[in-house]
Amino acid sequence: MKFTINIHVDYQPLTEMRVHRSYLQGVAFSNFIWSDTPFPEVHHSEVDYQRTKDMGMNVIRFYMNYSYFEDGTNPYTNNQGGIGSMRTLLGPKNIIFT
């Protein structure tokens, strides 16, 4: 099974970045990447994203284990549950492209 991730790019901010210097300031959201556990139902909430924004940060590094996207017992088979969970977790409210 094949999945597609659509990304939309607005070129206006890229043009502005040439004129004004922009800095990436962010944090890494930890998760269960080293334990090979299924994707957690409750991970980071809207409150966590808002706190990050309130601290003036504009980037979040989100660690992901390959098992979120691929069935480890059946190589090259997509894990639709993990992909769906990522879309829910990182949805458009958080201004993250999925």
PDB file of N, CA and C in Angstrom:
ATOM      1  N   MET A   1       0.843  -1.173   0.000  1.00  0.00           N
ATOM      2  CA  MET A   1       0.000   0.000   0.000  1.00  0.00           C
ATOM      3  C   MET A   1       0.892   1.241   0.000  1.00  0.00           C
ATOM      4  N   LYS A   2       0.523   2.221  -0.777  1.00  0.00           N
ATOM      5  CA  LYS A   2       1.309   3.437  -0.928  1.00  0.00           C
ATOM      6  C   LYS A   2       0.579   4.598  -0.255  1.00  0.00           C
ATOM      7  N   PHE A   3       1.337   5.503   0.369  1.00  0.00           N
ATOM      8  CA  PHE A   3       0.720   6.700   0.939  1.00  0.00           C
ATOM      9  C   PHE A   3       1.451   7.918   0.418  1.00  0.00           C
ATOM     10  N   THR A   4       0.752   9.028   0.404  1.00  0.00           N
ATOM     11  CA  THR A   4       1.300  10.271  -0.117  1.00  0.00           C
ATOM     12  C   THR A   4       1.170  11.363   0.935  1.00  0.00           C
ATOM     13  N   ILE A   5       2.205  12.153   1.065  1.00  0.00           N
ATOM     14  CA  ILE A   5       2.164  13.313   1.950  1.00  0.00           C
ATOM     15  C   ILE A   5       2.192  14.551   1.060  1.00  0.00           C
ATOM     16  N   ASN A   6       1.165  15.371   1.162  1.00  0.00           N
ATOM     17  CA  ASN A   6       1.076  16.589   0.364  1.00  0.00           C
ATOM     18  C   ASN A   6       1.616  17.765   1.163  1.00  0.00           C
ATOM     19  N   ILE A   7       2.503  18.521   0.546  1.00  0.00           N
ATOM     20  CA  ILE A   7       3.074  19.698   1.201  1.00  0.00           C
ATOM     21  C   ILE A   7       2.800  20.906   0.321  1.00  0.00           C
ATOM     22  N   HIS A   8       2.277  21.956   0.932  1.00  0.00           N
ATOM     23  CA  HIS A   8       2.017  23.207   0.231  1.00  0.00           C
ATOM     24  C   HIS A   8       3.044  24.230   0.695  1.00  0.00           C
ATOM     25  N   VAL A   9       3.640  24.924  -0.236  1.00  0.00           N
ATOM     26  CA  VAL A   9       4.631  25.938   0.115  1.00  0.00           C
ATOM     27  C   VAL A   9       4.121  27.289  -0.354  1.00  0.00           C
ATOM     28  N   ASP A  10       4.114  28.248   0.542  1.00  0.00           N
ATOM     29  CA  ASP A  10       3.754  29.622   0.216  1.00  0.00           C
ATOM     30  C   ASP A  10       5.063  30.373   0.005  1.00  0.00           C
ATOM     31  N   TYR A  11       5.305  30.840  -1.200  1.00  0.00           N
ATOM     32  CA  TYR A  11       6.602  31.424  -1.525  1.00  0.00           C
ATOM     33  C   TYR A  11       6.792  32.833  -0.978  1.00  0.00           C
ATOM     34  N   GLN A  12       5.749  33.514  -0.563  1.00  0.00           N
ATOM     35  CA  GLN A  12       5.878  34.872  -0.039  1.00  0.00           C
ATOM     36  C   GLN A  12       6.806  34.937   1.176  1.00  0.00           C
ATOM     37  N   PRO A  13       6.620  34.081   2.208  1.00  0.00           N
ATOM     38  CA  PRO A  13       7.548  34.151   3.350  1.00  0.00           C
ATOM     39  C   PRO A  13       8.995  33.866   2.957  1.00  0.00           C
ATOM     40  N   LEU A  14       9.197  33.002   1.953  1.00  0.00           N
ATOM     41  CA  LEU A  14      10.565  32.716   1.519  1.00  0.00           C
ATOM     42  C   LEU A  14      11.204  33.966   0.927  1.00  0.00           C
ATOM     43  N   THR A  15      10.434  34.758   0.208  1.00  0.00           N
ATOM     44  CA  THR A  15      10.941  36.009  -0.350  1.00  0.00           C
ATOM     45  C   THR A  15      11.301  36.977   0.770  1.00  0.00           C
ATOM     46  N   GLU A  16      10.441  37.075   1.773  1.00  0.00           N
ATOM     47  CA  GLU A  16      10.711  37.970   2.890  1.00  0.00           C
ATOM     48  C   GLU A  16      11.964  37.556   3.650  1.00  0.00           C
ATOM     49  N   MET A  17      12.235  36.260   3.708  1.00  0.00           N
ATOM     50  CA  MET A  17      13.407  35.786   4.441  1.00  0.00           C
ATOM     51  C   MET A  17      14.693  36.251   3.776  1.00  0.00           C
ATOM     52  N   ARG A  18      14.661  36.528   2.487  1.00  0.00           N
ATOM     53  CA  ARG A  18      15.861  37.022   1.818  1.00  0.00           C
ATOM     54  C   ARG A  18      16.178  38.447   2.271  1.00  0.00           C
ATOM     55  N   VAL A  19      15.157  39.198   2.611  1.00  0.00           N
ATOM     56  CA  VAL A  19      15.330  40.584   3.018  1.00  0.00           C
ATOM     57  C   VAL A  19      15.606  40.680   4.512  1.00  0.00           C
ATOM     58  N   HIS A  20      14.859  39.919   5.307  1.00  0.00           N
ATOM     59  CA  HIS A  20      14.981  39.946   6.763  1.00  0.00           C
ATOM     60  C   HIS A  20      15.582  38.638   7.242  1.00  0.00           C
ATOM     61  N   ARG A  21      16.544  38.743   8.114  1.00  0.00           N
ATOM     62  CA  ARG A  21      17.177  37.552   8.660  1.00  0.00           C
ATOM     63  C   ARG A  21      16.198  36.842   9.592  1.00  0.00           C
ATOM     64  N   SER A  22      16.033  35.548   9.409  1.00  0.00           N
ATOM     65  CA  SER A  22      15.137  34.761  10.255  1.00  0.00           C
ATOM     66  C   SER A  22      15.945  33.731  11.021  1.00  0.00           C
ATOM     67  N   TYR A  23      15.547  33.484  12.242  1.00  0.00           N
ATOM     68  CA  TYR A  23      16.225  32.506  13.078  1.00  0.00           C
ATOM     69  C   TYR A  23      15.244  31.422  13.485  1.00  0.00           C
ATOM     70  N   LEU A  24      15.713  30.206  13.454  1.00  0.00           N
ATOM     71  CA  LEU A  24      14.905  29.092  13.931  1.00  0.00           C
ATOM     72  C   LEU A  24      15.198  28.903  15.408  1.00  0.00           C
ATOM     73  N   GLN A  25      14.150  28.920  16.207  1.00  0.00           N
ATOM     74  CA  GLN A  25      14.276  28.716  17.647  1.00  0.00           C
ATOM     75  C   GLN A  25      13.269  27.644  18.021  1.00  0.00           C
ATOM     76  N   GLY A  26      13.745  26.569  18.627  1.00  0.00           N
ATOM     77  CA  GLY A  26      12.801  25.506  18.909  1.00  0.00           C
ATOM     78  C   GLY A  26      13.230  24.544  19.979  1.00  0.00           C
ATOM     79  N   VAL A  27      12.436  23.516  20.084  1.00  0.00           N
ATOM     80  CA  VAL A  27      12.632  22.464  21.075  1.00  0.00           C
ATOM     81  C   VAL A  27      12.445  21.117  20.386  1.00  0.00           C
ATOM     82  N   ALA A  28      12.846  20.071  21.074  1.00  0.00           N
ATOM     83  CA  ALA A  28      12.583  18.709  20.604  1.00  0.00           C
ATOM     84  C   ALA A  28      11.533  18.099  21.517  1.00  0.00           C
ATOM     85  N   PHE A  29      10.452  17.621  20.925  1.00  0.00           N
ATOM     86  CA  PHE A  29       9.441  16.904  21.695  1.00  0.00           C
ATOM     87  C   PHE A  29       9.868  15.448  21.759  1.00  0.00           C
ATOM     88  N   SER A  30      10.109  14.977  22.943  1.00  0.00           N
ATOM     89  CA  SER A  30      10.509  13.587  23.133  1.00  0.00           C
ATOM     90  C   SER A  30       9.280  12.695  23.055  1.00  0.00           C
ATOM     91  N   ASN A  31       9.524  11.435  22.805  1.00  0.00           N
ATOM     92  CA  ASN A  31       8.438  10.464  22.778  1.00  0.00           C
ATOM     93  C   ASN A  31       9.013   9.087  23.060  1.00  0.00           C
ATOM     94  N   PHE A  32       8.352   8.074  22.638  1.00  0.00           N
ATOM     95  CA  PHE A  32       8.761   6.704  22.948  1.00  0.00           C
ATOM     96  C   PHE A  32       9.569   6.092  21.804  1.00  0.00           C
ATOM     97  N   ILE A  33      10.426   6.867  21.188  1.00  0.00           N
ATOM     98  CA  ILE A  33      11.137   6.424  19.989  1.00  0.00           C
ATOM     99  C   ILE A  33      12.042   5.221  20.226  1.00  0.00           C
ATOM    100  N   TRP A  34      12.631   5.099  21.387  1.00  0.00           N
ATOM    101  CA  TRP A  34      13.593   4.025  21.629  1.00  0.00           C
ATOM    102  C   TRP A  34      12.950   2.736  22.110  1.00  0.00           C
ATOM    103  N   SER A  35      11.678   2.745  22.411  1.00  0.00           N
ATOM    104  CA  SER A  35      11.065   1.562  23.012  1.00  0.00           C
ATOM    105  C   SER A  35      10.282   0.694  22.033  1.00  0.00           C
ATOM    106  N   ASP A  36      10.169   1.095  20.783  1.00  0.00           N
ATOM    107  CA  ASP A  36       9.401   0.339  19.784  1.00  0.00           C
ATOM    108  C   ASP A  36       7.968   0.073  20.217  1.00  0.00           C
ATOM    109  N   THR A  37       7.395   0.985  20.975  1.00  0.00           N
ATOM    110  CA  THR A  37       5.995   0.843  21.366  1.00  0.00           C
ATOM    111  C   THR A  37       5.114   1.407  20.260  1.00  0.00           C
ATOM    112  N   PRO A  38       3.874   0.972  20.189  1.00  0.00           N
ATOM    113  CA  PRO A  38       2.963   1.570  19.203  1.00  0.00           C
ATOM    114  C   PRO A  38       2.841   3.069  19.444  1.00  0.00           C
ATOM    115  N   PHE A  39       2.424   3.770  18.436  1.00  0.00           N
ATOM    116  CA  PHE A  39       2.294   5.220  18.534  1.00  0.00           C
ATOM    117  C   PHE A  39       1.357   5.570  19.677  1.00  0.00           C
ATOM    118  N   PRO A  40       1.773   6.422  20.603  1.00  0.00           N
ATOM    119  CA  PRO A  40       0.938   6.738  21.766  1.00  0.00           C
ATOM    120  C   PRO A  40      -0.309   7.527  21.378  1.00  0.00           C
ATOM    121  N   GLU A  41      -1.431   7.162  21.960  1.00  0.00           N
ATOM    122  CA  GLU A  41      -2.680   7.883  21.699  1.00  0.00           C
ATOM    123  C   GLU A  41      -2.603   9.313  22.220  1.00  0.00           C
ATOM    124  N   VAL A  42      -2.076   9.462  23.423  1.00  0.00           N
ATOM    125  CA  VAL A  42      -1.940  10.795  24.012  1.00  0.00           C
ATOM    126  C   VAL A  42      -0.453  11.110  24.048  1.00  0.00           C
ATOM    127  N   HIS A  43      -0.078  12.153  23.376  1.00  0.00           N
ATOM    128  CA  HIS A  43       1.336  12.482  23.293  1.00  0.00           C
ATOM    129  C   HIS A  43       1.509  13.926  23.699  1.00  0.00           C
ATOM    130  N   HIS A  44       1.487  14.809  22.751  1.00  0.00           N
ATOM    131  CA  HIS A  44       1.541  16.235  23.027  1.00  0.00           C
ATOM    132  C   HIS A  44       0.184  16.816  22.661  1.00  0.00           C
ATOM    133  N   SER A  45      -0.254  17.770  23.450  1.00  0.00           N
ATOM    134  CA  SER A  45      -1.586  18.338  23.240  1.00  0.00           C
ATOM    135  C   SER A  45      -1.483  19.759  22.690  1.00  0.00           C
ATOM    136  N   GLU A  46      -2.633  20.332  22.395  1.00  0.00           N
ATOM    137  CA  GLU A  46      -2.690  21.715  21.923  1.00  0.00           C
ATOM    138  C   GLU A  46      -2.012  22.660  22.910  1.00  0.00           C
ATOM    139  N   VAL A  47      -2.129  22.363  24.200  1.00  0.00           N
ATOM    140  CA  VAL A  47      -1.507  23.195  25.241  1.00  0.00           C
ATOM    141  C   VAL A  47       0.007  23.216  25.062  1.00  0.00           C
ATOM    142  N   ASP A  48       0.607  22.070  24.745  1.00  0.00           N
ATOM    143  CA  ASP A  48       2.058  21.996  24.560  1.00  0.00           C
ATOM    144  C   ASP A  48       2.505  22.843  23.372  1.00  0.00           C
ATOM    145  N   TYR A  49       1.753  22.773  22.265  1.00  0.00           N
ATOM    146  CA  TYR A  49       2.103  23.571  21.094  1.00  0.00           C
ATOM    147  C   TYR A  49       1.940  25.061  21.394  1.00  0.00           C
ATOM    148  N   GLN A  50       0.906  25.423  22.126  1.00  0.00           N
ATOM    149  CA  GLN A  50       0.688  26.828  22.472  1.00  0.00           C
ATOM    150  C   GLN A  50       1.798  27.337  23.391  1.00  0.00           C
ATOM    151  N   ARG A  51       2.218  26.538  24.342  1.00  0.00           N
ATOM    152  CA  ARG A  51       3.313  26.937  25.240  1.00  0.00           C
ATOM    153  C   ARG A  51       4.595  27.175  24.450  1.00  0.00           C
ATOM    154  N   THR A  52       4.858  26.301  23.494  1.00  0.00           N
ATOM    155  CA  THR A  52       6.050  26.452  22.662  1.00  0.00           C
ATOM    156  C   THR A  52       5.984  27.771  21.899  1.00  0.00           C
ATOM    157  N   LYS A  53       4.832  28.057  21.325  1.00  0.00           N
ATOM    158  CA  LYS A  53       4.648  29.316  20.593  1.00  0.00           C
ATOM    159  C   LYS A  53       4.793  30.513  21.530  1.00  0.00           C
ATOM    160  N   ASP A  54       4.204  30.426  22.725  1.00  0.00           N
ATOM    161  CA  ASP A  54       4.274  31.523  23.696  1.00  0.00           C
ATOM    162  C   ASP A  54       5.706  31.810  24.147  1.00  0.00           C
ATOM    163  N   MET A  55       6.579  30.808  24.093  1.00  0.00           N
ATOM    164  CA  MET A  55       7.986  31.009  24.450  1.00  0.00           C
ATOM    165  C   MET A  55       8.778  31.612  23.297  1.00  0.00           C
ATOM    166  N   GLY A  56       8.104  31.897  22.185  1.00  0.00           N
ATOM    167  CA  GLY A  56       8.755  32.525  21.047  1.00  0.00           C
ATOM    168  C   GLY A  56       9.437  31.546  20.111  1.00  0.00           C
ATOM    169  N   MET A  57       9.137  30.284  20.245  1.00  0.00           N
ATOM    170  CA  MET A  57       9.779  29.278  19.403  1.00  0.00           C
ATOM    171  C   MET A  57       8.951  29.039  18.148  1.00  0.00           C
ATOM    172  N   ASN A  58       9.649  28.756  17.051  1.00  0.00           N
ATOM    173  CA  ASN A  58       8.967  28.565  15.783  1.00  0.00           C
ATOM    174  C   ASN A  58       9.274  27.223  15.124  1.00  0.00           C
ATOM    175  N   VAL A  59       9.960  26.333  15.840  1.00  0.00           N
ATOM    176  CA  VAL A  59      10.299  25.012  15.301  1.00  0.00           C
ATOM    177  C   VAL A  59      10.145  23.968  16.403  1.00  0.00           C
ATOM    178  N   ILE A  60       9.569  22.826  16.045  1.00  0.00           N
ATOM    179  CA  ILE A  60       9.516  21.686  16.960  1.00  0.00           C
ATOM    180  C   ILE A  60      10.083  20.484  16.223  1.00  0.00           C
ATOM    181  N   ARG A  61      11.107  19.900  16.817  1.00  0.00           N
ATOM    182  CA  ARG A  61      11.665  18.662  16.265  1.00  0.00           C
ATOM    183  C   ARG A  61      10.933  17.509  16.942  1.00  0.00           C
ATOM    184  N   PHE A  62      10.354  16.660  16.130  1.00  0.00           N
ATOM    185  CA  PHE A  62       9.521  15.583  16.644  1.00  0.00           C
ATOM    186  C   PHE A  62      10.153  14.256  16.233  1.00  0.00           C
ATOM    187  N   TYR A  63      10.691  13.526  17.195  1.00  0.00           N
ATOM    188  CA  TYR A  63      11.345  12.255  16.905  1.00  0.00           C
ATOM    189  C   TYR A  63      10.312  11.208  16.516  1.00  0.00           C
ATOM    190  N   MET A  64      10.644  10.407  15.514  1.00  0.00           N
ATOM    191  CA  MET A  64       9.731   9.370  15.054  1.00  0.00           C
ATOM    192  C   MET A  64      10.475   8.064  14.834  1.00  0.00           C
ATOM    193  N   ASN A  65       9.895   6.985  15.280  1.00  0.00           N
ATOM    194  CA  ASN A  65      10.435   5.653  15.081  1.00  0.00           C
ATOM    195  C   ASN A  65       9.886   5.104  13.767  1.00  0.00           C
ATOM    196  N   TYR A  66      10.687   4.362  13.038  1.00  0.00           N
ATOM    197  CA  TYR A  66      10.227   3.837  11.754  1.00  0.00           C
ATOM    198  C   TYR A  66       8.959   2.999  11.897  1.00  0.00           C
ATOM    199  N   SER A  67       8.766   2.402  13.082  1.00  0.00           N
ATOM    200  CA  SER A  67       7.605   1.531  13.278  1.00  0.00           C
ATOM    201  C   SER A  67       6.288   2.307  13.253  1.00  0.00           C
ATOM    202  N   TYR A  68       6.342   3.634  13.364  1.00  0.00           N
ATOM    203  CA  TYR A  68       5.123   4.428  13.228  1.00  0.00           C
ATOM    204  C   TYR A  68       4.607   4.360  11.789  1.00  0.00           C
ATOM    205  N   PHE A  69       5.518   4.109  10.845  1.00  0.00           N
ATOM    206  CA  PHE A  69       5.172   4.170   9.432  1.00  0.00           C
ATOM    207  C   PHE A  69       5.270   2.833   8.708  1.00  0.00           C
ATOM    208  N   GLU A  70       6.003   1.887   9.282  1.00  0.00           N
ATOM    209  CA  GLU A  70       6.200   0.602   8.607  1.00  0.00           C
ATOM    210  C   GLU A  70       5.998  -0.537   9.593  1.00  0.00           C
ATOM    211  N   ASP A  71       5.354  -1.582   9.128  1.00  0.00           N
ATOM    212  CA  ASP A  71       5.136  -2.780   9.936  1.00  0.00           C
ATOM    213  C   ASP A  71       6.453  -3.547  10.005  1.00  0.00           C
ATOM    214  N   GLY A  72       7.061  -3.605  11.193  1.00  0.00           N
ATOM    215  CA  GLY A  72       8.365  -4.245  11.360  1.00  0.00           C
ATOM    216  C   GLY A  72       8.365  -5.732  11.071  1.00  0.00           C
ATOM    217  N   THR A  73       7.217  -6.390  11.209  1.00  0.00           N
ATOM    218  CA  THR A  73       7.153  -7.831  10.932  1.00  0.00           C
ATOM    219  C   THR A  73       6.902  -8.107   9.463  1.00  0.00           C
ATOM    220  N   ASN A  74       6.542  -7.077   8.707  1.00  0.00           N
ATOM    221  CA  ASN A  74       6.263  -7.224   7.283  1.00  0.00           C
ATOM    222  C   ASN A  74       6.890  -6.033   6.553  1.00  0.00           C
ATOM    223  N   PRO A  75       8.198  -6.108   6.259  1.00  0.00           N
ATOM    224  CA  PRO A  75       8.916  -4.975   5.665  1.00  0.00           C
ATOM    225  C   PRO A  75       8.238  -4.422   4.413  1.00  0.00           C
ATOM    226  N   TYR A  76       8.380  -3.132   4.224  1.00  0.00           N
ATOM    227  CA  TYR A  76       7.836  -2.386   3.087  1.00  0.00           C
ATOM    228  C   TYR A  76       6.310  -2.359   3.073  1.00  0.00           C
ATOM    229  N   THR A  77       5.701  -2.612   4.216  1.00  0.00           N
ATOM    230  CA  THR A  77       4.254  -2.509   4.350  1.00  0.00           C
ATOM    231  C   THR A  77       3.950  -1.329   5.258  1.00  0.00           C
ATOM    232  N   ASN A  78       3.171  -0.391   4.755  1.00  0.00           N
ATOM    233  CA  ASN A  78       2.862   0.814   5.528  1.00  0.00           C
ATOM    234  C   ASN A  78       1.978   0.505   6.717  1.00  0.00           C
ATOM    235  N   ASN A  79       2.257   1.170   7.813  1.00  0.00           N
ATOM    236  CA  ASN A  79       1.455   1.073   9.020  1.00  0.00           C
ATOM    237  C   ASN A  79       0.458   2.229   8.994  1.00  0.00           C
ATOM    238  N   GLN A  80      -0.728   1.989   8.477  1.00  0.00           N
ATOM    239  CA  GLN A  80      -1.718   3.055   8.327  1.00  0.00           C
ATOM    240  C   GLN A  80      -2.149   3.639   9.666  1.00  0.00           C
ATOM    241  N   GLY A  81      -2.143   2.833  10.726  1.00  0.00           N
ATOM    242  CA  GLY A  81      -2.504   3.345  12.050  1.00  0.00           C
ATOM    243  C   GLY A  81      -1.552   4.425  12.514  1.00  0.00           C
ATOM    244  N   GLY A  82      -0.261   4.200  12.326  1.00  0.00           N
ATOM    245  CA  GLY A  82       0.738   5.192  12.720  1.00  0.00           C
ATOM    246  C   GLY A  82       0.667   6.446  11.881  1.00  0.00           C
ATOM    247  N   ILE A  83       0.442   6.273  10.582  1.00  0.00           N
ATOM    248  CA  ILE A  83       0.328   7.422   9.689  1.00  0.00           C
ATOM    249  C   ILE A  83      -0.895   8.253  10.072  1.00  0.00           C
ATOM    250  N   GLY A  84      -2.005   7.589  10.347  1.00  0.00           N
ATOM    251  CA  GLY A  84      -3.214   8.298  10.767  1.00  0.00           C
ATOM    252  C   GLY A  84      -3.015   9.022  12.081  1.00  0.00           C
ATOM    253  N   SER A  85      -2.303   8.390  13.013  1.00  0.00           N
ATOM    254  CA  SER A  85      -2.039   9.022  14.307  1.00  0.00           C
ATOM    255  C   SER A  85      -1.190  10.272  14.139  1.00  0.00           C
ATOM    256  N   MET A  86      -0.216  10.227  13.252  1.00  0.00           N
ATOM    257  CA  MET A  86       0.622  11.399  13.011  1.00  0.00           C
ATOM    258  C   MET A  86      -0.216  12.547  12.468  1.00  0.00           C
ATOM    259  N   ARG A  87      -1.120  12.230  11.541  1.00  0.00           N
ATOM    260  CA  ARG A  87      -1.968  13.288  10.973  1.00  0.00           C
ATOM    261  C   ARG A  87      -2.844  13.920  12.047  1.00  0.00           C
ATOM    262  N   THR A  88      -3.349  13.098  12.951  1.00  0.00           N
ATOM    263  CA  THR A  88      -4.188  13.614  14.032  1.00  0.00           C
ATOM    264  C   THR A  88      -3.364  14.458  14.993  1.00  0.00           C
ATOM    265  N   LEU A  89      -2.204  13.951  15.371  1.00  0.00           N
ATOM    266  CA  LEU A  89      -1.354  14.622  16.350  1.00  0.00           C
ATOM    267  C   LEU A  89      -0.807  15.942  15.834  1.00  0.00           C
ATOM    268  N   LEU A  90      -0.389  15.955  14.578  1.00  0.00           N
ATOM    269  CA  LEU A  90       0.295  17.120  14.032  1.00  0.00           C
ATOM    270  C   LEU A  90      -0.602  17.985  13.174  1.00  0.00           C
ATOM    271  N   GLY A  91      -1.891  17.834  13.289  1.00  0.00           N
ATOM    272  CA  GLY A  91      -2.866  18.465  12.413  1.00  0.00           C
ATOM    273  C   GLY A  91      -2.671  19.927  12.082  1.00  0.00           C
ATOM    274  N   PRO A  92      -3.493  20.436  11.188  1.00  0.00           N
ATOM    275  CA  PRO A  92      -3.333  21.794  10.674  1.00  0.00           C
ATOM    276  C   PRO A  92      -3.473  22.888  11.720  1.00  0.00           C
ATOM    277  N   LYS A  93      -4.107  22.611  12.855  1.00  0.00           N
ATOM    278  CA  LYS A  93      -4.187  23.626  13.909  1.00  0.00           C
ATOM    279  C   LYS A  93      -2.795  24.017  14.378  1.00  0.00           C
ATOM    280  N   ASN A  94      -1.857  23.090  14.266  1.00  0.00           N
ATOM    281  CA  ASN A  94      -0.502  23.322  14.752  1.00  0.00           C
ATOM    282  C   ASN A  94       0.422  23.851  13.669  1.00  0.00           C
ATOM    283  N   ILE A  95      -0.127  24.150  12.509  1.00  0.00           N
ATOM    284  CA  ILE A  95       0.629  24.682  11.388  1.00  0.00           C
ATOM    285  C   ILE A  95       1.802  23.766  11.046  1.00  0.00           C
ATOM    286  N   ILE A  96       1.508  22.496  10.973  1.00  0.00           N
ATOM    287  CA  ILE A  96       2.491  21.507  10.555  1.00  0.00           C
ATOM    288  C   ILE A  96       1.883  20.767   9.383  1.00  0.00           C
ATOM    289  N   PHE A  97       2.609  20.646   8.298  1.00  0.00           N
ATOM    290  CA  PHE A  97       2.081  20.004   7.107  1.00  0.00           C
ATOM    291  C   PHE A  97       2.105  18.500   7.263  1.00  0.00           C
ATOM    292  N   THR A  98       0.990  17.843   6.952  1.00  0.00           N
ATOM    293  CA  THR A  98       0.909  16.388   7.038  1.00  0.00           C
ATOM    294  C   THR A  98       0.490  15.821   5.711  1.00  0.00           C
TER     295      THR A  98
END
